[in-house]
Amino acid sequence: MFAALSDPTRRCVLSELGRGPASVGDLARSSPMTLPSFMKHIGMLESSGLISTAKAGRVRTCTLNRQRLAVVDGWLAEQRAIWEGRTDRLEQFVTNPRALS
């Protein structure tokens, strides 16, 4: 998932899908790359589970998978709590080194 989130084009797609489902053509219009290159980004997002696509006729519609993003959010919240605790202890040590002895 983090590999999929590492690219700015894919993050832009996720932001646009946060407003609601959109066709690949609509999403690709805001990108300066060719459609085949853009489709690789869609494929990466889909294989990571961050989006799903459905084809109706000639139109492929993308939908954001909010539950998958919640997994990332949960992991980041855990990491944030760990690091905030560490920086709080460091601050206590720097401001009052005897308190931690």
PDB file of N, CA and C in Angstrom:
ATOM      1  N   MET A   1       0.816  -1.191   0.000  1.00  0.00           N
ATOM      2  CA  MET A   1       0.000   0.000   0.000  1.00  0.00           C
ATOM      3  C   MET A   1       0.860   1.255   0.000  1.00  0.00           C
ATOM      4  N   PHE A   2       1.947   1.236   0.789  1.00  0.00           N
ATOM      5  CA  PHE A   2       2.774   2.426   0.858  1.00  0.00           C
ATOM      6  C   PHE A   2       3.485   2.696  -0.458  1.00  0.00           C
ATOM      7  N   ALA A   3       3.804   1.644  -1.209  1.00  0.00           N
ATOM      8  CA  ALA A   3       4.394   1.855  -2.534  1.00  0.00           C
ATOM      9  C   ALA A   3       3.391   2.569  -3.440  1.00  0.00           C
ATOM     10  N   ALA A   4       2.131   2.201  -3.330  1.00  0.00           N
ATOM     11  CA  ALA A   4       1.102   2.860  -4.142  1.00  0.00           C
ATOM     12  C   ALA A   4       0.929   4.312  -3.717  1.00  0.00           C
ATOM     13  N   LEU A   5       1.048   4.582  -2.427  1.00  0.00           N
ATOM     14  CA  LEU A   5       0.875   5.941  -1.914  1.00  0.00           C
ATOM     15  C   LEU A   5       2.108   6.823  -2.128  1.00  0.00           C
ATOM     16  N   SER A   6       3.213   6.222  -2.516  1.00  0.00           N
ATOM     17  CA  SER A   6       4.454   6.982  -2.637  1.00  0.00           C
ATOM     18  C   SER A   6       4.500   7.895  -3.858  1.00  0.00           C
ATOM     19  N   ASP A   7       3.640   7.670  -4.825  1.00  0.00           N
ATOM     20  CA  ASP A   7       3.684   8.451  -6.063  1.00  0.00           C
ATOM     21  C   ASP A   7       2.682   9.604  -6.036  1.00  0.00           C
ATOM     22  N   PRO A   8       3.108  10.813  -6.428  1.00  0.00           N
ATOM     23  CA  PRO A   8       2.193  11.961  -6.399  1.00  0.00           C
ATOM     24  C   PRO A   8       1.004  11.824  -7.352  1.00  0.00           C
ATOM     25  N   THR A   9       1.191  11.167  -8.475  1.00  0.00           N
ATOM     26  CA  THR A   9       0.066  10.966  -9.404  1.00  0.00           C
ATOM     27  C   THR A   9      -1.000  10.107  -8.752  1.00  0.00           C
ATOM     28  N   ARG A  10      -0.575   9.040  -8.091  1.00  0.00           N
ATOM     29  CA  ARG A  10      -1.542   8.151  -7.443  1.00  0.00           C
ATOM     30  C   ARG A  10      -2.215   8.834  -6.259  1.00  0.00           C
ATOM     31  N   ARG A  11      -1.473   9.637  -5.522  1.00  0.00           N
ATOM     32  CA  ARG A  11      -2.103  10.381  -4.418  1.00  0.00           C
ATOM     33  C   ARG A  11      -3.132  11.370  -4.952  1.00  0.00           C
ATOM     34  N   CYS A  12      -2.849  11.969  -6.096  1.00  0.00           N
ATOM     35  CA  CYS A  12      -3.805  12.898  -6.718  1.00  0.00           C
ATOM     36  C   CYS A  12      -5.079  12.151  -7.121  1.00  0.00           C
ATOM     37  N   VAL A  13      -4.918  10.961  -7.681  1.00  0.00           N
ATOM     38  CA  VAL A  13      -6.080  10.144  -8.057  1.00  0.00           C
ATOM     39  C   VAL A  13      -6.919   9.841  -6.820  1.00  0.00           C
ATOM     40  N   LEU A  14      -6.264   9.461  -5.728  1.00  0.00           N
ATOM     41  CA  LEU A  14      -6.999   9.160  -4.495  1.00  0.00           C
ATOM     42  C   LEU A  14      -7.731  10.386  -3.977  1.00  0.00           C
ATOM     43  N   SER A  15      -7.109  11.539  -4.080  1.00  0.00           N
ATOM     44  CA  SER A  15      -7.770  12.778  -3.647  1.00  0.00           C
ATOM     45  C   SER A  15      -9.017  13.046  -4.469  1.00  0.00           C
ATOM     46  N   GLU A  16      -8.896  12.863  -5.775  1.00  0.00           N
ATOM     47  CA  GLU A  16     -10.066  13.085  -6.634  1.00  0.00           C
ATOM     48  C   GLU A  16     -11.166  12.067  -6.350  1.00  0.00           C
ATOM     49  N   LEU A  17     -10.779  10.833  -6.092  1.00  0.00           N
ATOM     50  CA  LEU A  17     -11.783   9.806  -5.791  1.00  0.00           C
ATOM     51  C   LEU A  17     -12.406  10.010  -4.413  1.00  0.00           C
ATOM     52  N   GLY A  18     -11.758  10.781  -3.561  1.00  0.00           N
ATOM     53  CA  GLY A  18     -12.340  11.121  -2.267  1.00  0.00           C
ATOM     54  C   GLY A  18     -13.617  11.930  -2.418  1.00  0.00           C
ATOM     55  N   ARG A  19     -13.777  12.579  -3.557  1.00  0.00           N
ATOM     56  CA  ARG A  19     -15.004  13.348  -3.838  1.00  0.00           C
ATOM     57  C   ARG A  19     -16.100  12.474  -4.431  1.00  0.00           C
ATOM     58  N   GLY A  20     -15.726  11.248  -4.830  1.00  0.00           N
ATOM     59  CA  GLY A  20     -16.708  10.328  -5.384  1.00  0.00           C
ATOM     60  C   GLY A  20     -16.131   9.562  -6.556  1.00  0.00           C
ATOM     61  N   PRO A  21     -16.821   8.512  -7.006  1.00  0.00           N
ATOM     62  CA  PRO A  21     -16.343   7.714  -8.136  1.00  0.00           C
ATOM     63  C   PRO A  21     -16.141   8.577  -9.377  1.00  0.00           C
ATOM     64  N   ALA A  22     -15.188   8.139 -10.218  1.00  0.00           N
ATOM     65  CA  ALA A  22     -14.904   8.866 -11.457  1.00  0.00           C
ATOM     66  C   ALA A  22     -14.402   7.877 -12.499  1.00  0.00           C
ATOM     67  N   SER A  23     -14.615   8.218 -13.760  1.00  0.00           N
ATOM     68  CA  SER A  23     -14.122   7.366 -14.843  1.00  0.00           C
ATOM     69  C   SER A  23     -12.619   7.561 -14.996  1.00  0.00           C
ATOM     70  N   VAL A  24     -11.960   6.565 -15.553  1.00  0.00           N
ATOM     71  CA  VAL A  24     -10.523   6.662 -15.800  1.00  0.00           C
ATOM     72  C   VAL A  24     -10.240   7.849 -16.712  1.00  0.00           C
ATOM     73  N   GLY A  25     -11.084   8.055 -17.715  1.00  0.00           N
ATOM     74  CA  GLY A  25     -10.905   9.179 -18.633  1.00  0.00           C
ATOM     75  C   GLY A  25     -10.951  10.516 -17.922  1.00  0.00           C
ATOM     76  N   ASP A  26     -11.898  10.677 -17.007  1.00  0.00           N
ATOM     77  CA  ASP A  26     -11.991  11.923 -16.246  1.00  0.00           C
ATOM     78  C   ASP A  26     -10.761  12.120 -15.361  1.00  0.00           C
ATOM     79  N   LEU A  27     -10.312  11.045 -14.725  1.00  0.00           N
ATOM     80  CA  LEU A  27      -9.136  11.134 -13.865  1.00  0.00           C
ATOM     81  C   LEU A  27      -7.884  11.441 -14.678  1.00  0.00           C
ATOM     82  N   ALA A  28      -7.781  10.846 -15.850  1.00  0.00           N
ATOM     83  CA  ALA A  28      -6.587  11.015 -16.687  1.00  0.00           C
ATOM     84  C   ALA A  28      -6.495  12.416 -17.277  1.00  0.00           C
ATOM     85  N   ARG A  29      -7.615  13.098 -17.441  1.00  0.00           N
ATOM     86  CA  ARG A  29      -7.597  14.438 -18.032  1.00  0.00           C
ATOM     87  C   ARG A  29      -6.727  15.414 -17.256  1.00  0.00           C
ATOM     88  N   SER A  30      -6.664  15.269 -15.953  1.00  0.00           N
ATOM     89  CA  SER A  30      -5.877  16.193 -15.141  1.00  0.00           C
ATOM     90  C   SER A  30      -4.399  15.801 -15.092  1.00  0.00           C
ATOM     91  N   SER A  31      -4.042  14.720 -15.753  1.00  0.00           N
ATOM     92  CA  SER A  31      -2.658  14.249 -15.741  1.00  0.00           C
ATOM     93  C   SER A  31      -1.971  14.560 -17.069  1.00  0.00           C
ATOM     94  N   PRO A  32      -0.704  14.969 -17.033  1.00  0.00           N
ATOM     95  CA  PRO A  32       0.007  15.293 -18.269  1.00  0.00           C
ATOM     96  C   PRO A  32       0.515  14.063 -19.030  1.00  0.00           C
ATOM     97  N   MET A  33       0.320  12.868 -18.509  1.00  0.00           N
ATOM     98  CA  MET A  33       0.872  11.674 -19.155  1.00  0.00           C
ATOM     99  C   MET A  33      -0.120  11.028 -20.114  1.00  0.00           C
ATOM    100  N   THR A  34       0.365  10.096 -20.893  1.00  0.00           N
ATOM    101  CA  THR A  34      -0.478   9.371 -21.837  1.00  0.00           C
ATOM    102  C   THR A  34      -1.401   8.423 -21.074  1.00  0.00           C
ATOM    103  N   LEU A  35      -2.488   8.034 -21.709  1.00  0.00           N
ATOM    104  CA  LEU A  35      -3.447   7.137 -21.064  1.00  0.00           C
ATOM    105  C   LEU A  35      -2.818   5.795 -20.679  1.00  0.00           C
ATOM    106  N   PRO A  36      -1.995   5.160 -21.557  1.00  0.00           N
ATOM    107  CA  PRO A  36      -1.381   3.893 -21.129  1.00  0.00           C
ATOM    108  C   PRO A  36      -0.497   4.043 -19.883  1.00  0.00           C
ATOM    109  N   SER A  37       0.230   5.136 -19.781  1.00  0.00           N
ATOM    110  CA  SER A  37       1.049   5.375 -18.583  1.00  0.00           C
ATOM    111  C   SER A  37       0.164   5.596 -17.367  1.00  0.00           C
ATOM    112  N   PHE A  38      -0.907   6.344 -17.562  1.00  0.00           N
ATOM    113  CA  PHE A  38      -1.838   6.604 -16.462  1.00  0.00           C
ATOM    114  C   PHE A  38      -2.491   5.305 -15.991  1.00  0.00           C
ATOM    115  N   MET A  39      -2.797   4.418 -16.919  1.00  0.00           N
ATOM    116  CA  MET A  39      -3.427   3.138 -16.568  1.00  0.00           C
ATOM    117  C   MET A  39      -2.524   2.300 -15.665  1.00  0.00           C
ATOM    118  N   LYS A  40      -1.218   2.447 -15.786  1.00  0.00           N
ATOM    119  CA  LYS A  40      -0.303   1.724 -14.891  1.00  0.00           C
ATOM    120  C   LYS A  40      -0.503   2.192 -13.454  1.00  0.00           C
ATOM    121  N   HIS A  41      -0.740   3.473 -13.280  1.00  0.00           N
ATOM    122  CA  HIS A  41      -1.008   4.003 -11.941  1.00  0.00           C
ATOM    123  C   HIS A  41      -2.336   3.459 -11.405  1.00  0.00           C
ATOM    124  N   ILE A  42      -3.338   3.414 -12.262  1.00  0.00           N
ATOM    125  CA  ILE A  42      -4.636   2.856 -11.852  1.00  0.00           C
ATOM    126  C   ILE A  42      -4.465   1.397 -11.457  1.00  0.00           C
ATOM    127  N   GLY A  43      -3.685   0.657 -12.246  1.00  0.00           N
ATOM    128  CA  GLY A  43      -3.427  -0.756 -11.939  1.00  0.00           C
ATOM    129  C   GLY A  43      -2.752  -0.937 -10.589  1.00  0.00           C
ATOM    130  N   MET A  44      -1.797  -0.074 -10.293  1.00  0.00           N
ATOM    131  CA  MET A  44      -1.086  -0.149  -9.013  1.00  0.00           C
ATOM    132  C   MET A  44      -2.042   0.133  -7.852  1.00  0.00           C
ATOM    133  N   LEU A  45      -2.881   1.145  -7.999  1.00  0.00           N
ATOM    134  CA  LEU A  45      -3.856   1.470  -6.951  1.00  0.00           C
ATOM    135  C   LEU A  45      -4.856   0.331  -6.757  1.00  0.00           C
ATOM    136  N   GLU A  46      -5.253  -0.272  -7.857  1.00  0.00           N
ATOM    137  CA  GLU A  46      -6.217  -1.368  -7.770  1.00  0.00           C
ATOM    138  C   GLU A  46      -5.569  -2.608  -7.144  1.00  0.00           C
ATOM    139  N   SER A  47      -4.346  -2.926  -7.544  1.00  0.00           N
ATOM    140  CA  SER A  47      -3.691  -4.118  -6.987  1.00  0.00           C
ATOM    141  C   SER A  47      -3.364  -3.946  -5.510  1.00  0.00           C
ATOM    142  N   SER A  48      -3.200  -2.708  -5.050  1.00  0.00           N
ATOM    143  CA  SER A  48      -2.950  -2.474  -3.628  1.00  0.00           C
ATOM    144  C   SER A  48      -4.247  -2.481  -2.821  1.00  0.00           C
ATOM    145  N   GLY A  49      -5.384  -2.475  -3.512  1.00  0.00           N
ATOM    146  CA  GLY A  49      -6.676  -2.495  -2.834  1.00  0.00           C
ATOM    147  C   GLY A  49      -7.190  -1.123  -2.446  1.00  0.00           C
ATOM    148  N   LEU A  50      -6.479  -0.069  -2.848  1.00  0.00           N
ATOM    149  CA  LEU A  50      -6.915   1.280  -2.489  1.00  0.00           C
ATOM    150  C   LEU A  50      -8.096   1.752  -3.316  1.00  0.00           C
ATOM    151  N   ILE A  51      -8.240   1.205  -4.524  1.00  0.00           N
ATOM    152  CA  ILE A  51      -9.401   1.524  -5.350  1.00  0.00           C
ATOM    153  C   ILE A  51      -9.929   0.241  -5.961  1.00  0.00           C
ATOM    154  N   SER A  52     -11.155   0.310  -6.441  1.00  0.00           N
ATOM    155  CA  SER A  52     -11.713  -0.773  -7.246  1.00  0.00           C
ATOM    156  C   SER A  52     -12.220  -0.146  -8.543  1.00  0.00           C
ATOM    157  N   THR A  53     -12.244  -0.942  -9.581  1.00  0.00           N
ATOM    158  CA  THR A  53     -12.748  -0.449 -10.858  1.00  0.00           C
ATOM    159  C   THR A  53     -13.847  -1.377 -11.357  1.00  0.00           C
ATOM    160  N   ALA A  54     -14.753  -0.796 -12.105  1.00  0.00           N
ATOM    161  CA  ALA A  54     -15.838  -1.566 -12.715  1.00  0.00           C
ATOM    162  C   ALA A  54     -16.034  -1.037 -14.120  1.00  0.00           C
ATOM    163  N   LYS A  55     -16.221  -1.950 -15.055  1.00  0.00           N
ATOM    164  CA  LYS A  55     -16.389  -1.552 -16.447  1.00  0.00           C
ATOM    165  C   LYS A  55     -17.844  -1.707 -16.862  1.00  0.00           C
ATOM    166  N   ALA A  56     -18.375  -0.650 -17.452  1.00  0.00           N
ATOM    167  CA  ALA A  56     -19.728  -0.672 -18.002  1.00  0.00           C
ATOM    168  C   ALA A  56     -19.622  -0.162 -19.440  1.00  0.00           C
ATOM    169  N   GLY A  57     -19.737  -1.074 -20.375  1.00  0.00           N
ATOM    170  CA  GLY A  57     -19.533  -0.691 -21.771  1.00  0.00           C
ATOM    171  C   GLY A  57     -18.072  -0.352 -21.994  1.00  0.00           C
ATOM    172  N   ARG A  58     -17.822   0.867 -22.464  1.00  0.00           N
ATOM    173  CA  ARG A  58     -16.449   1.299 -22.718  1.00  0.00           C
ATOM    174  C   ARG A  58     -15.882   2.162 -21.593  1.00  0.00           C
ATOM    175  N   VAL A  59     -16.661   2.356 -20.557  1.00  0.00           N
ATOM    176  CA  VAL A  59     -16.247   3.247 -19.467  1.00  0.00           C
ATOM    177  C   VAL A  59     -15.842   2.436 -18.243  1.00  0.00           C
ATOM    178  N   ARG A  60     -14.627   2.692 -17.746  1.00  0.00           N
ATOM    179  CA  ARG A  60     -14.153   2.065 -16.516  1.00  0.00           C
ATOM    180  C   ARG A  60     -14.228   3.112 -15.415  1.00  0.00           C
ATOM    181  N   THR A  61     -14.999   2.796 -14.373  1.00  0.00           N
ATOM    182  CA  THR A  61     -15.200   3.717 -13.261  1.00  0.00           C
ATOM    183  C   THR A  61     -14.393   3.253 -12.055  1.00  0.00           C
ATOM    184  N   CYS A  62     -13.714   4.206 -11.427  1.00  0.00           N
ATOM    185  CA  CYS A  62     -12.893   3.932 -10.239  1.00  0.00           C
ATOM    186  C   CYS A  62     -13.618   4.412  -8.988  1.00  0.00           C
ATOM    187  N   THR A  63     -13.475   3.633  -7.915  1.00  0.00           N
ATOM    188  CA  THR A  63     -14.080   3.965  -6.630  1.00  0.00           C
ATOM    189  C   THR A  63     -13.035   3.780  -5.541  1.00  0.00           C
ATOM    190  N   LEU A  64     -12.982   4.719  -4.625  1.00  0.00           N
ATOM    191  CA  LEU A  64     -12.045   4.670  -3.508  1.00  0.00           C
ATOM    192  C   LEU A  64     -12.485   3.615  -2.506  1.00  0.00           C
ATOM    193  N   ASN A  65     -11.541   2.829  -2.023  1.00  0.00           N
ATOM    194  CA  ASN A  65     -11.806   1.837  -0.982  1.00  0.00           C
ATOM    195  C   ASN A  65     -11.413   2.455   0.355  1.00  0.00           C
ATOM    196  N   ARG A  66     -12.357   3.052   1.025  1.00  0.00           N
ATOM    197  CA  ARG A  66     -12.083   3.785   2.271  1.00  0.00           C
ATOM    198  C   ARG A  66     -11.632   2.866   3.404  1.00  0.00           C
ATOM    199  N   GLN A  67     -12.074   1.614   3.420  1.00  0.00           N
ATOM    200  CA  GLN A  67     -11.644   0.691   4.474  1.00  0.00           C
ATOM    201  C   GLN A  67     -10.144   0.425   4.377  1.00  0.00           C
ATOM    202  N   ARG A  68      -9.645   0.352   3.162  1.00  0.00           N
ATOM    203  CA  ARG A  68      -8.201   0.100   2.971  1.00  0.00           C
ATOM    204  C   ARG A  68      -7.388   1.307   3.453  1.00  0.00           C
ATOM    205  N   LEU A  69      -7.894   2.509   3.205  1.00  0.00           N
ATOM    206  CA  LEU A  69      -7.215   3.702   3.707  1.00  0.00           C
ATOM    207  C   LEU A  69      -7.265   3.759   5.226  1.00  0.00           C
ATOM    208  N   ALA A  70      -8.321   3.223   5.823  1.00  0.00           N
ATOM    209  CA  ALA A  70      -8.437   3.199   7.283  1.00  0.00           C
ATOM    210  C   ALA A  70      -7.336   2.337   7.891  1.00  0.00           C
ATOM    211  N   VAL A  71      -6.908   1.295   7.192  1.00  0.00           N
ATOM    212  CA  VAL A  71      -5.802   0.454   7.665  1.00  0.00           C
ATOM    213  C   VAL A  71      -4.532   1.300   7.761  1.00  0.00           C
ATOM    214  N   VAL A  72      -4.261   2.083   6.732  1.00  0.00           N
ATOM    215  CA  VAL A  72      -3.088   2.962   6.728  1.00  0.00           C
ATOM    216  C   VAL A  72      -3.209   3.982   7.863  1.00  0.00           C
ATOM    217  N   ASP A  73      -4.380   4.565   8.014  1.00  0.00           N
ATOM    218  CA  ASP A  73      -4.599   5.565   9.047  1.00  0.00           C
ATOM    219  C   ASP A  73      -4.372   4.971  10.437  1.00  0.00           C
ATOM    220  N   GLY A  74      -4.840   3.760  10.652  1.00  0.00           N
ATOM    221  CA  GLY A  74      -4.654   3.099  11.943  1.00  0.00           C
ATOM    222  C   GLY A  74      -3.182   2.853  12.240  1.00  0.00           C
ATOM    223  N   TRP A  75      -2.440   2.392  11.253  1.00  0.00           N
ATOM    224  CA  TRP A  75      -1.015   2.139  11.436  1.00  0.00           C
ATOM    225  C   TRP A  75      -0.282   3.449  11.722  1.00  0.00           C
ATOM    226  N   LEU A  76      -0.610   4.493  10.967  1.00  0.00           N
ATOM    227  CA  LEU A  76       0.031   5.790  11.188  1.00  0.00           C
ATOM    228  C   LEU A  76      -0.289   6.344  12.582  1.00  0.00           C
ATOM    229  N   ALA A  77      -1.504   6.136  13.057  1.00  0.00           N
ATOM    230  CA  ALA A  77      -1.881   6.599  14.393  1.00  0.00           C
ATOM    231  C   ALA A  77      -1.048   5.881  15.462  1.00  0.00           C
ATOM    232  N   GLU A  78      -0.831   4.570  15.282  1.00  0.00           N
ATOM    233  CA  GLU A  78       0.005   3.824  16.221  1.00  0.00           C
ATOM    234  C   GLU A  78       1.428   4.364  16.225  1.00  0.00           C
ATOM    235  N   GLN A  79       1.980   4.581  15.043  1.00  0.00           N
ATOM    236  CA  GLN A  79       3.344   5.104  14.933  1.00  0.00           C
ATOM    237  C   GLN A  79       3.454   6.498  15.535  1.00  0.00           C
ATOM    238  N   ARG A  80       2.456   7.324  15.283  1.00  0.00           N
ATOM    239  CA  ARG A  80       2.447   8.686  15.829  1.00  0.00           C
ATOM    240  C   ARG A  80       2.459   8.642  17.352  1.00  0.00           C
ATOM    241  N   ALA A  81       1.667   7.759  17.962  1.00  0.00           N
ATOM    242  CA  ALA A  81       1.610   7.647  19.423  1.00  0.00           C
ATOM    243  C   ALA A  81       2.954   7.195  19.985  1.00  0.00           C
ATOM    244  N   ILE A  82       3.591   6.250  19.323  1.00  0.00           N
ATOM    245  CA  ILE A  82       4.908   5.772  19.769  1.00  0.00           C
ATOM    246  C   ILE A  82       5.914   6.915  19.756  1.00  0.00           C
ATOM    247  N   TRP A  83       5.967   7.633  18.639  1.00  0.00           N
ATOM    248  CA  TRP A  83       6.968   8.692  18.506  1.00  0.00           C
ATOM    249  C   TRP A  83       6.657   9.896  19.388  1.00  0.00           C
ATOM    250  N   GLU A  84       5.403  10.194  19.587  1.00  0.00           N
ATOM    251  CA  GLU A  84       5.065  11.295  20.507  1.00  0.00           C
ATOM    252  C   GLU A  84       5.486  10.941  21.930  1.00  0.00           C
ATOM    253  N   GLY A  85       5.308   9.682  22.307  1.00  0.00           N
ATOM    254  CA  GLY A  85       5.753   9.237  23.629  1.00  0.00           C
ATOM    255  C   GLY A  85       7.257   9.356  23.776  1.00  0.00           C
ATOM    256  N   ARG A  86       7.981   8.986  22.743  1.00  0.00           N
ATOM    257  CA  ARG A  86       9.446   9.093  22.785  1.00  0.00           C
ATOM    258  C   ARG A  86       9.897  10.541  22.879  1.00  0.00           C
ATOM    259  N   THR A  87       9.276  11.406  22.096  1.00  0.00           N
ATOM    260  CA  THR A  87       9.692  12.816  22.139  1.00  0.00           C
ATOM    261  C   THR A  87       9.284  13.454  23.463  1.00  0.00           C
ATOM    262  N   ASP A  88       8.158  13.006  24.053  1.00  0.00           N
ATOM    263  CA  ASP A  88       7.766  13.518  25.375  1.00  0.00           C
ATOM    264  C   ASP A  88       8.807  13.135  26.425  1.00  0.00           C
ATOM    265  N   ARG A  89       9.288  11.876  26.377  1.00  0.00           N
ATOM    266  CA  ARG A  89      10.314  11.435  27.327  1.00  0.00           C
ATOM    267  C   ARG A  89      11.618  12.188  27.109  1.00  0.00           C
ATOM    268  N   LEU A  90      11.968  12.445  25.849  1.00  0.00           N
ATOM    269  CA  LEU A  90      13.176  13.207  25.553  1.00  0.00           C
ATOM    270  C   LEU A  90      13.050  14.627  26.094  1.00  0.00           C
ATOM    271  N   GLU A  91      11.887  15.227  25.918  1.00  0.00           N
ATOM    272  CA  GLU A  91      11.668  16.583  26.437  1.00  0.00           C
ATOM    273  C   GLU A  91      11.805  16.604  27.963  1.00  0.00           C
ATOM    274  N   GLN A  92      11.256  15.588  28.630  1.00  0.00           N
ATOM    275  CA  GLN A  92      11.375  15.517  30.089  1.00  0.00           C
ATOM    276  C   GLN A  92      12.835  15.388  30.506  1.00  0.00           C
ATOM    277  N   PHE A  93      13.580  14.578  29.783  1.00  0.00           N
ATOM    278  CA  PHE A  93      14.989  14.388  30.104  1.00  0.00           C
ATOM    279  C   PHE A  93      15.779  15.679  29.916  1.00  0.00           C
ATOM    280  N   VAL A  94      15.507  16.388  28.837  1.00  0.00           N
ATOM    281  CA  VAL A  94      16.242  17.619  28.549  1.00  0.00           C
ATOM    282  C   VAL A  94      15.883  18.721  29.539  1.00  0.00           C
ATOM    283  N   THR A  95      14.613  18.823  29.881  1.00  0.00           N
ATOM    284  CA  THR A  95      14.201  19.909  30.791  1.00  0.00           C
ATOM    285  C   THR A  95      14.401  19.557  32.263  1.00  0.00           C
ATOM    286  N   ASN A  96      14.370  18.271  32.609  1.00  0.00           N
ATOM    287  CA  ASN A  96      14.531  17.863  34.004  1.00  0.00           C
ATOM    288  C   ASN A  96      15.181  16.467  34.036  1.00  0.00           C
ATOM    289  N   PRO A  97      16.483  16.367  33.845  1.00  0.00           N
ATOM    290  CA  PRO A  97      17.141  15.053  33.748  1.00  0.00           C
ATOM    291  C   PRO A  97      17.007  14.201  35.016  1.00  0.00           C
ATOM    292  N   ARG A  98      16.827  14.806  36.164  1.00  0.00           N
ATOM    293  CA  ARG A  98      16.716  14.027  37.420  1.00  0.00           C
ATOM    294  C   ARG A  98      15.357  13.332  37.539  1.00  0.00           C
ATOM    295  N   ALA A  99      14.358  13.806  36.827  1.00  0.00           N
ATOM    296  CA  ALA A  99      13.015  13.227  36.926  1.00  0.00           C
ATOM    297  C   ALA A  99      12.969  11.815  36.387  1.00  0.00           C
ATOM    298  N   LEU A 100      13.847  11.470  35.462  1.00  0.00           N
ATOM    299  CA  LEU A 100      13.819  10.129  34.862  1.00  0.00           C
ATOM    300  C   LEU A 100      14.801   9.175  35.512  1.00  0.00           C
ATOM    301  N   SER A 101      15.550   9.607  36.474  1.00  0.00           N
ATOM    302  CA  SER A 101      16.564   8.751  37.132  1.00  0.00           C
ATOM    303  C   SER A 101      15.930   7.688  37.988  1.00  0.00           C
TER     304      SER A 101
END
